[in-house]
N, C-alpha and C. Protein backbone atom coordinates (compact mmCIF):
# COMPACT_ATOMS: atom_id res chain seq x y z
N MET A 1 -7.03 24.19 -0.63
CA MET A 1 -6.48 22.79 -0.48
C MET A 1 -5.26 22.66 0.49
N ALA A 2 -5.35 22.30 1.63
CA ALA A 2 -4.25 21.86 2.21
C ALA A 2 -4.31 20.45 3.01
N GLY A 3 -3.03 19.94 3.22
CA GLY A 3 -3.37 18.53 3.95
C GLY A 3 -3.21 17.51 3.02
N LYS A 4 -3.48 16.29 3.41
CA LYS A 4 -3.43 14.93 2.55
C LYS A 4 -4.88 14.60 2.06
N TRP A 5 -4.81 14.21 0.86
CA TRP A 5 -6.03 13.98 0.23
C TRP A 5 -6.33 12.56 -0.34
N TYR A 6 -7.40 11.92 -0.40
CA TYR A 6 -7.66 10.66 -0.86
C TYR A 6 -8.67 10.54 -2.02
N VAL A 7 -8.45 9.77 -2.93
CA VAL A 7 -9.38 9.85 -4.11
C VAL A 7 -10.40 8.65 -3.99
N LEU A 8 -11.34 8.73 -4.44
CA LEU A 8 -12.41 7.41 -4.45
C LEU A 8 -12.95 7.32 -5.66
N ARG A 9 -12.89 6.30 -6.47
CA ARG A 9 -13.18 6.06 -7.86
C ARG A 9 -14.29 5.04 -7.92
N ASN A 10 -15.42 5.52 -8.34
CA ASN A 10 -16.59 4.74 -8.81
C ASN A 10 -17.06 4.25 -7.43
N GLY A 11 -17.00 5.00 -6.37
CA GLY A 11 -17.50 4.65 -4.87
C GLY A 11 -16.96 3.42 -4.44
N VAL A 12 -15.98 2.93 -4.93
CA VAL A 12 -15.36 1.50 -4.48
C VAL A 12 -13.87 1.54 -4.22
N THR A 13 -12.95 2.08 -5.08
CA THR A 13 -11.64 1.99 -4.97
C THR A 13 -11.00 3.19 -4.52
N GLN A 14 -10.30 3.03 -3.46
CA GLN A 14 -9.73 4.25 -2.69
C GLN A 14 -8.23 4.31 -3.04
N TYR A 15 -7.66 5.57 -3.33
CA TYR A 15 -6.31 5.76 -3.52
C TYR A 15 -5.78 6.83 -2.61
N GLY A 16 -4.45 6.89 -2.40
CA GLY A 16 -4.01 8.18 -1.49
C GLY A 16 -3.29 7.56 -0.14
N PRO A 17 -2.64 8.32 0.47
CA PRO A 17 -3.00 9.84 0.37
C PRO A 17 -1.80 10.38 -0.47
N TYR A 18 -2.15 11.62 -0.81
CA TYR A 18 -1.58 12.59 -1.72
C TYR A 18 -1.45 13.70 -1.03
N GLU A 19 -0.28 14.34 -1.19
CA GLU A 19 -0.02 15.84 -1.00
C GLU A 19 -0.86 16.61 -2.04
N GLU A 20 -1.08 17.84 -1.72
CA GLU A 20 -1.84 18.64 -2.66
C GLU A 20 -1.06 19.02 -3.99
N GLU A 21 0.21 19.09 -3.94
CA GLU A 21 0.97 19.00 -5.18
C GLU A 21 0.55 17.91 -6.03
N GLN A 22 0.84 16.61 -5.34
CA GLN A 22 0.42 15.49 -6.10
C GLN A 22 -0.82 15.39 -6.72
N LEU A 23 -1.78 15.60 -5.90
CA LEU A 23 -3.24 15.77 -6.49
C LEU A 23 -3.56 16.49 -7.57
N ALA A 24 -2.76 17.82 -7.57
CA ALA A 24 -2.91 18.70 -8.70
C ALA A 24 -2.38 18.12 -9.96
N GLU A 25 -1.24 17.40 -9.71
CA GLU A 25 -0.33 16.86 -10.75
C GLU A 25 -1.24 15.85 -11.50
N LEU A 26 -1.90 15.05 -10.61
CA LEU A 26 -2.84 13.67 -10.97
C LEU A 26 -4.06 14.38 -11.89
N ALA A 27 -4.50 15.56 -11.46
CA ALA A 27 -5.51 16.06 -12.07
C ALA A 27 -5.30 16.76 -13.32
N ARG A 28 -4.05 17.39 -13.56
CA ARG A 28 -3.31 17.86 -14.78
C ARG A 28 -3.28 16.81 -15.78
N ASP A 29 -2.70 15.48 -15.23
CA ASP A 29 -2.39 14.35 -16.06
C ASP A 29 -3.54 13.50 -16.52
N GLY A 30 -4.84 13.96 -15.88
CA GLY A 30 -5.96 13.26 -16.21
C GLY A 30 -6.30 11.84 -15.41
N ARG A 31 -5.27 11.68 -14.31
CA ARG A 31 -5.50 10.55 -13.55
C ARG A 31 -6.38 10.78 -12.48
N VAL A 32 -6.72 11.79 -12.01
CA VAL A 32 -7.99 12.24 -10.98
C VAL A 32 -8.83 12.98 -11.93
N VAL A 33 -10.14 12.71 -11.90
CA VAL A 33 -11.08 13.18 -12.83
C VAL A 33 -12.18 13.82 -12.26
N VAL A 34 -13.03 14.69 -12.56
CA VAL A 34 -14.06 15.64 -12.12
C VAL A 34 -15.29 14.55 -11.55
N THR A 35 -15.16 13.35 -12.05
CA THR A 35 -16.28 12.27 -11.67
C THR A 35 -15.70 11.56 -10.24
N ASP A 36 -14.46 11.67 -9.87
CA ASP A 36 -13.79 11.02 -8.63
C ASP A 36 -14.37 11.95 -7.33
N MET A 37 -14.33 11.27 -6.13
CA MET A 37 -14.76 11.93 -5.02
C MET A 37 -13.31 12.13 -4.37
N LEU A 38 -13.32 13.44 -3.50
CA LEU A 38 -12.13 13.29 -2.76
C LEU A 38 -12.28 13.63 -1.30
N TRP A 39 -11.44 13.42 -0.42
CA TRP A 39 -11.45 13.56 0.96
C TRP A 39 -10.34 13.99 1.55
N GLN A 40 -10.23 15.04 2.39
CA GLN A 40 -9.17 15.65 2.79
C GLN A 40 -9.06 15.19 4.75
N GLU A 41 -7.89 15.07 4.88
CA GLU A 41 -7.85 14.62 6.29
C GLU A 41 -8.17 15.90 7.21
N GLY A 42 -9.01 15.62 8.29
CA GLY A 42 -9.69 16.56 9.11
C GLY A 42 -11.29 17.19 8.73
N THR A 43 -11.67 16.49 7.39
CA THR A 43 -12.95 16.90 7.05
C THR A 43 -14.03 15.82 6.96
N PRO A 44 -15.23 16.10 7.39
CA PRO A 44 -16.16 15.03 7.75
C PRO A 44 -16.74 14.15 6.43
N ASP A 45 -16.81 14.84 5.27
CA ASP A 45 -17.31 13.95 4.27
C ASP A 45 -16.34 14.10 3.01
N TRP A 46 -16.71 13.09 1.87
CA TRP A 46 -15.99 13.19 0.63
C TRP A 46 -16.90 14.28 -0.02
N VAL A 47 -16.16 14.67 -0.95
CA VAL A 47 -16.82 15.89 -1.87
C VAL A 47 -16.34 15.51 -3.36
N ALA A 48 -17.26 16.01 -4.08
CA ALA A 48 -16.89 15.77 -5.56
C ALA A 48 -15.67 16.36 -6.03
N ALA A 49 -14.89 15.92 -6.89
CA ALA A 49 -13.63 16.36 -7.17
C ALA A 49 -13.86 17.76 -8.10
N SER A 50 -15.13 17.73 -8.75
CA SER A 50 -15.25 18.95 -9.67
C SER A 50 -15.52 20.10 -8.72
N SER A 51 -15.80 20.09 -7.34
CA SER A 51 -16.14 20.95 -6.47
C SER A 51 -14.99 21.69 -5.82
N VAL A 52 -13.67 21.21 -5.95
CA VAL A 52 -12.46 21.55 -5.54
C VAL A 52 -11.95 22.60 -6.31
N THR A 53 -11.93 23.88 -5.50
CA THR A 53 -11.50 25.06 -6.46
C THR A 53 -10.19 24.84 -7.05
N ASP A 54 -10.14 25.39 -8.16
CA ASP A 54 -8.82 25.36 -9.19
C ASP A 54 -8.15 24.14 -9.51
N LEU A 55 -8.73 22.97 -9.08
CA LEU A 55 -8.17 21.63 -9.52
C LEU A 55 -8.48 21.22 -10.90
N PHE A 56 -9.57 21.46 -11.42
CA PHE A 56 -10.14 21.22 -12.93
C PHE A 56 -10.44 22.58 -13.52
N PRO A 57 -9.58 23.25 -14.00
CA PRO A 57 -10.06 24.53 -14.64
C PRO A 57 -10.82 24.44 -16.00
N PHE A 58 -10.17 23.38 -16.84
CA PHE A 58 -10.63 23.10 -18.03
C PHE A 58 -10.81 21.57 -18.58
N GLN A 59 -11.05 20.84 -17.53
CA GLN A 59 -10.86 19.49 -17.73
C GLN A 59 -12.46 18.94 -18.05
N PRO A 60 -12.71 18.29 -19.24
CA PRO A 60 -14.21 17.84 -19.44
C PRO A 60 -14.19 16.27 -18.83
N ILE A 61 -15.44 15.87 -18.58
CA ILE A 61 -15.82 14.78 -18.02
C ILE A 61 -15.46 13.56 -19.17
N PRO A 62 -14.63 12.72 -18.78
CA PRO A 62 -13.99 11.74 -19.56
C PRO A 62 -15.24 10.74 -20.02
N SER A 63 -15.00 10.05 -21.36
CA SER A 63 -15.76 9.03 -21.93
C SER A 63 -15.40 7.66 -21.18
N THR A 64 -14.17 7.47 -21.20
CA THR A 64 -13.64 6.19 -20.59
C THR A 64 -12.97 6.39 -19.27
N PRO A 65 -13.15 5.43 -18.43
CA PRO A 65 -12.40 5.65 -17.14
C PRO A 65 -10.84 5.91 -17.13
N PRO A 66 -10.08 6.71 -16.53
CA PRO A 66 -8.78 6.82 -16.48
C PRO A 66 -8.24 5.70 -15.78
N PRO A 67 -6.81 5.85 -16.02
CA PRO A 67 -5.85 4.98 -15.08
C PRO A 67 -5.94 5.33 -13.71
N PRO A 68 -5.61 4.22 -12.75
CA PRO A 68 -5.63 4.63 -11.20
C PRO A 68 -4.43 5.71 -11.10
N PRO A 69 -5.01 6.53 -9.96
CA PRO A 69 -4.20 7.75 -9.51
C PRO A 69 -2.91 7.43 -8.77
N ARG A 70 -1.88 6.63 -9.38
CA ARG A 70 -0.90 6.16 -8.46
C ARG A 70 0.37 7.13 -8.75
N VAL A 71 1.08 7.32 -7.98
CA VAL A 71 2.11 8.23 -8.02
C VAL A 71 3.28 7.77 -6.99
N GLY A 72 4.54 7.79 -7.52
CA GLY A 72 5.79 7.27 -6.69
C GLY A 72 5.80 5.93 -6.53
N PRO A 73 6.38 5.63 -5.40
CA PRO A 73 6.92 4.27 -4.81
C PRO A 73 5.89 3.20 -5.06
N GLN A 74 4.70 3.42 -4.73
CA GLN A 74 3.46 2.56 -4.65
C GLN A 74 3.46 1.93 -5.97
N ASP A 75 3.81 2.40 -6.97
CA ASP A 75 3.80 1.65 -8.28
C ASP A 75 4.28 0.32 -8.39
N ASP A 76 5.26 0.08 -7.39
CA ASP A 76 5.98 -1.12 -7.46
C ASP A 76 5.68 -2.22 -6.51
N TYR A 77 4.82 -1.76 -5.65
CA TYR A 77 4.28 -2.49 -4.40
C TYR A 77 4.01 -3.88 -4.78
N GLY A 78 3.17 -4.11 -5.83
CA GLY A 78 2.71 -5.43 -6.26
C GLY A 78 3.95 -6.57 -6.24
N SER A 79 5.03 -6.01 -6.99
CA SER A 79 6.08 -7.04 -7.03
C SER A 79 6.81 -7.28 -5.48
N THR A 80 6.79 -6.34 -4.67
CA THR A 80 7.35 -6.38 -3.42
C THR A 80 6.35 -7.39 -2.65
N LYS A 81 5.12 -7.42 -2.72
CA LYS A 81 4.10 -8.17 -2.12
C LYS A 81 4.34 -9.43 -2.55
N ILE A 82 4.83 -9.98 -3.81
CA ILE A 82 4.93 -11.15 -4.31
C ILE A 82 6.19 -11.86 -3.77
N VAL A 83 7.26 -10.83 -4.05
CA VAL A 83 8.66 -11.33 -3.35
C VAL A 83 8.60 -11.73 -1.95
N ALA A 84 7.94 -10.86 -1.18
CA ALA A 84 7.73 -10.91 0.26
C ALA A 84 6.88 -12.17 0.61
N GLY A 85 5.98 -12.54 -0.11
CA GLY A 85 4.96 -13.52 0.27
C GLY A 85 5.60 -14.77 -0.15
N VAL A 86 6.15 -14.92 -1.32
CA VAL A 86 7.01 -16.30 -1.63
C VAL A 86 8.28 -16.45 -0.66
N THR A 87 8.98 -15.38 -0.53
CA THR A 87 10.21 -15.47 0.46
C THR A 87 9.53 -16.12 2.02
N ALA A 88 8.54 -15.49 2.41
CA ALA A 88 8.12 -15.84 3.60
C ALA A 88 7.60 -17.38 3.64
N ILE A 89 6.99 -17.88 2.64
CA ILE A 89 6.75 -19.13 2.60
C ILE A 89 7.96 -20.30 2.49
N ALA A 90 8.96 -19.77 1.59
CA ALA A 90 10.10 -20.61 1.29
C ALA A 90 11.24 -20.43 2.48
N LEU A 91 11.36 -19.42 3.08
CA LEU A 91 12.48 -19.01 4.01
C LEU A 91 12.05 -18.18 5.33
N GLY A 92 10.78 -18.34 5.68
CA GLY A 92 9.95 -17.70 6.82
C GLY A 92 10.73 -17.85 8.10
N GLY A 93 11.23 -19.14 8.12
CA GLY A 93 11.72 -19.73 9.37
C GLY A 93 13.14 -18.93 9.66
N PHE A 94 13.58 -18.17 8.74
CA PHE A 94 15.02 -17.32 8.81
C PHE A 94 14.56 -16.04 9.18
N GLY A 95 13.30 -15.38 8.75
CA GLY A 95 12.69 -14.01 8.65
C GLY A 95 13.47 -13.45 7.69
N VAL A 96 13.62 -13.88 6.54
CA VAL A 96 14.16 -13.08 5.24
C VAL A 96 13.09 -12.23 4.83
N HIS A 97 11.84 -12.54 4.77
CA HIS A 97 10.76 -11.74 4.16
C HIS A 97 10.75 -10.56 5.16
N LYS A 98 10.98 -10.37 6.47
CA LYS A 98 11.18 -9.24 7.28
C LYS A 98 11.93 -8.36 6.91
N PHE A 99 13.23 -8.71 6.36
CA PHE A 99 14.03 -7.79 5.97
C PHE A 99 13.63 -7.16 4.61
N ILE A 100 13.05 -7.89 3.55
CA ILE A 100 12.77 -7.41 2.32
C ILE A 100 11.57 -6.37 2.69
N LEU A 101 10.70 -6.27 3.69
CA LEU A 101 9.81 -5.33 4.16
C LEU A 101 10.41 -4.28 4.88
N GLY A 102 11.70 -4.12 5.09
CA GLY A 102 12.41 -3.13 5.99
C GLY A 102 12.19 -3.29 7.43
N ALA A 103 11.48 -4.49 8.11
CA ALA A 103 11.18 -4.67 9.32
C ALA A 103 12.63 -5.41 10.08
N THR A 104 13.54 -4.92 10.14
CA THR A 104 14.70 -5.56 10.70
C THR A 104 14.71 -6.28 12.02
N LYS A 105 14.16 -5.58 13.07
CA LYS A 105 14.03 -6.08 14.25
C LYS A 105 13.36 -7.57 14.30
N PRO A 106 12.10 -7.52 13.70
CA PRO A 106 11.37 -8.77 13.60
C PRO A 106 12.06 -9.88 12.96
N GLY A 107 13.03 -9.41 11.86
CA GLY A 107 13.80 -10.37 11.11
C GLY A 107 14.84 -10.93 12.27
N LEU A 108 15.46 -9.99 12.66
CA LEU A 108 16.53 -10.39 13.61
C LEU A 108 16.08 -11.37 14.44
N ILE A 109 15.00 -11.08 15.11
CA ILE A 109 14.43 -12.01 16.23
C ILE A 109 14.05 -13.47 15.73
N THR A 110 13.48 -13.51 14.44
CA THR A 110 13.24 -14.75 13.85
C THR A 110 14.34 -15.50 13.58
N LEU A 111 15.20 -14.79 13.07
CA LEU A 111 16.77 -15.33 12.53
C LEU A 111 17.22 -15.96 13.94
N ALA A 112 17.54 -14.83 15.08
CA ALA A 112 18.09 -15.44 16.34
C ALA A 112 17.34 -16.50 17.01
N ILE A 113 16.08 -16.59 17.02
CA ILE A 113 15.42 -17.97 17.47
C ILE A 113 15.79 -19.13 16.81
N THR A 114 15.66 -19.04 15.42
CA THR A 114 16.11 -20.23 14.60
C THR A 114 17.57 -20.68 14.91
N VAL A 115 18.51 -19.68 14.96
CA VAL A 115 19.91 -20.11 14.80
C VAL A 115 20.35 -20.62 16.28
N PHE A 116 19.92 -19.60 17.26
CA PHE A 116 20.32 -20.05 18.64
C PHE A 116 19.39 -21.40 19.17
N THR A 117 18.51 -21.77 18.63
CA THR A 117 18.06 -23.26 19.19
C THR A 117 18.40 -24.21 18.10
N CYS A 118 19.74 -23.95 17.46
CA CYS A 118 20.07 -24.93 16.48
C CYS A 118 19.10 -25.49 15.42
N CYS A 119 18.05 -24.79 15.18
CA CYS A 119 16.97 -24.93 14.25
C CYS A 119 15.94 -25.81 14.74
N ALA A 120 15.85 -26.07 16.18
CA ALA A 120 14.95 -26.75 16.92
C ALA A 120 13.40 -25.95 16.82
N MET A 121 13.50 -24.61 16.75
CA MET A 121 12.48 -23.80 16.70
C MET A 121 12.05 -23.73 15.14
N LEU A 122 12.50 -24.04 14.37
CA LEU A 122 12.36 -23.88 12.74
C LEU A 122 11.09 -24.15 12.20
N PRO A 123 10.46 -25.51 12.82
CA PRO A 123 8.98 -25.58 12.40
C PRO A 123 8.10 -24.45 12.95
N ALA A 124 8.28 -23.93 14.15
CA ALA A 124 7.38 -22.80 14.74
C ALA A 124 7.79 -21.45 14.00
N THR A 125 8.89 -21.17 13.65
CA THR A 125 9.17 -20.11 13.05
C THR A 125 8.89 -20.13 11.70
N GLY A 126 9.14 -21.30 11.00
CA GLY A 126 8.62 -21.58 9.62
C GLY A 126 7.09 -21.61 9.46
N ALA A 127 6.23 -22.02 10.34
CA ALA A 127 4.93 -21.77 10.31
C ALA A 127 4.42 -20.38 10.26
N ILE A 128 5.11 -19.52 11.05
CA ILE A 128 4.68 -18.10 11.26
C ILE A 128 5.10 -17.60 9.98
N GLY A 129 6.23 -17.94 9.42
CA GLY A 129 6.66 -17.38 7.93
C GLY A 129 5.54 -17.79 6.83
N ILE A 130 5.04 -19.22 6.98
CA ILE A 130 4.18 -19.62 5.88
C ILE A 130 2.83 -18.81 6.22
N ALA A 131 2.28 -18.73 7.50
CA ALA A 131 1.09 -17.85 7.48
C ALA A 131 1.17 -16.54 7.09
N GLU A 132 2.37 -15.63 7.33
CA GLU A 132 2.52 -14.38 6.93
C GLU A 132 2.42 -14.42 5.42
N GLY A 133 3.32 -15.30 4.69
CA GLY A 133 3.29 -15.38 3.36
C GLY A 133 1.84 -15.54 2.60
N ILE A 134 1.05 -16.27 3.33
CA ILE A 134 -0.35 -16.44 2.70
C ILE A 134 -1.02 -15.21 2.96
N ILE A 135 -0.97 -14.47 4.22
CA ILE A 135 -1.48 -13.29 4.50
C ILE A 135 -1.22 -12.29 3.37
N TYR A 136 0.19 -12.25 3.03
CA TYR A 136 0.56 -11.16 2.10
C TYR A 136 0.06 -11.32 0.71
N LEU A 137 -0.01 -12.75 0.29
CA LEU A 137 -0.35 -12.80 -1.08
C LEU A 137 -1.82 -12.83 -1.42
N THR A 138 -2.62 -13.12 -0.30
CA THR A 138 -3.95 -13.11 -0.61
C THR A 138 -4.78 -11.74 -0.24
N MET A 139 -4.05 -10.82 0.35
CA MET A 139 -4.45 -9.27 0.31
C MET A 139 -4.28 -8.59 -0.95
N SER A 140 -5.05 -7.55 -1.30
CA SER A 140 -4.92 -6.78 -2.39
C SER A 140 -3.69 -6.02 -2.34
N ASP A 141 -3.10 -5.61 -3.61
CA ASP A 141 -1.99 -4.76 -3.45
C ASP A 141 -2.13 -3.51 -2.91
N GLU A 142 -3.07 -2.85 -2.95
CA GLU A 142 -3.44 -1.64 -2.15
C GLU A 142 -3.33 -1.96 -0.59
N GLU A 143 -4.09 -2.87 -0.33
CA GLU A 143 -4.13 -3.06 1.38
C GLU A 143 -2.62 -3.46 1.76
N PHE A 144 -1.98 -4.31 0.82
CA PHE A 144 -0.55 -4.69 1.27
C PHE A 144 0.26 -3.29 1.31
N TYR A 145 0.29 -2.51 0.47
CA TYR A 145 0.86 -1.24 0.25
C TYR A 145 0.71 -0.38 1.70
N ARG A 146 -0.63 -0.33 2.00
CA ARG A 146 -1.03 0.53 3.15
C ARG A 146 -0.69 -0.27 4.43
N THR A 147 -0.75 -1.41 4.72
CA THR A 147 -0.28 -2.21 5.90
C THR A 147 1.02 -2.22 6.13
N TYR A 148 1.90 -2.82 4.88
CA TYR A 148 3.39 -3.22 5.29
C TYR A 148 4.08 -2.14 4.87
N ILE A 149 3.85 -1.40 3.81
CA ILE A 149 5.01 -0.55 3.42
C ILE A 149 4.65 0.76 4.05
N ILE A 150 3.62 1.49 3.91
CA ILE A 150 3.27 2.65 4.71
C ILE A 150 3.01 2.60 6.21
N GLY A 151 2.21 1.40 6.60
CA GLY A 151 1.90 1.33 8.20
C GLY A 151 2.95 0.65 8.77
N LYS A 152 4.05 0.01 8.14
CA LYS A 152 5.20 -0.77 8.69
C LYS A 152 4.85 -1.82 9.87
N LYS A 153 3.70 -2.36 9.45
CA LYS A 153 3.16 -3.36 10.54
C LYS A 153 4.14 -4.58 10.18
N GLU A 154 4.68 -4.99 11.48
CA GLU A 154 5.88 -5.86 11.64
C GLU A 154 5.19 -7.37 11.65
N TRP A 155 4.27 -7.82 12.31
CA TRP A 155 3.94 -9.11 12.49
C TRP A 155 2.37 -9.31 12.03
N PHE A 156 2.30 -10.36 11.23
CA PHE A 156 1.05 -11.01 10.87
C PHE A 156 0.30 -9.66 10.16
C-alpha cells in the first residue's frame, strides 16, 4: 500500500484522496469497510477493499452502512461552501468570497476593479459574484471541496 487512495462506496459516492496511514485509520475505525472499492493513483482499476493486504485483518462485513470516510479539514467544507456562496451573492462585487476561499489575487483584482472605477464596474463584478455564489451553492459539498479547496480554482 503506497501512494494516495480513493474510496468508492456503493458504486456511487467517492471519497479521498487519503494517504495510506489515513486509509488504515479509517479501516480500523470502521469508516472504510470490506464492501468498499479502493483505487490507488497509478493503478488501472478499482479493487475490493477486502483484497488489500493487511487492511482488514479481523473486520466482519457490516449489516448497516458505515458513516462516510471523512478525515481532517474536509469535515467543515459544507459550512465554507455556504459562507462563500452567500458572501459571493451579497458582496461579490468586492471580491470578499475570494478571500474566504483563500484566493487572494482574484479577490484583490475584483476589489481593485470596483474601487478604482468608483463602483462604475460594480454591476459587472457583482454579476460575476452572483454567478459564482450560485455555482458554489448548487454543487455538492464533495465537489466544492475538490474544486475550490483542494483544486484552488479561482474563477467560476
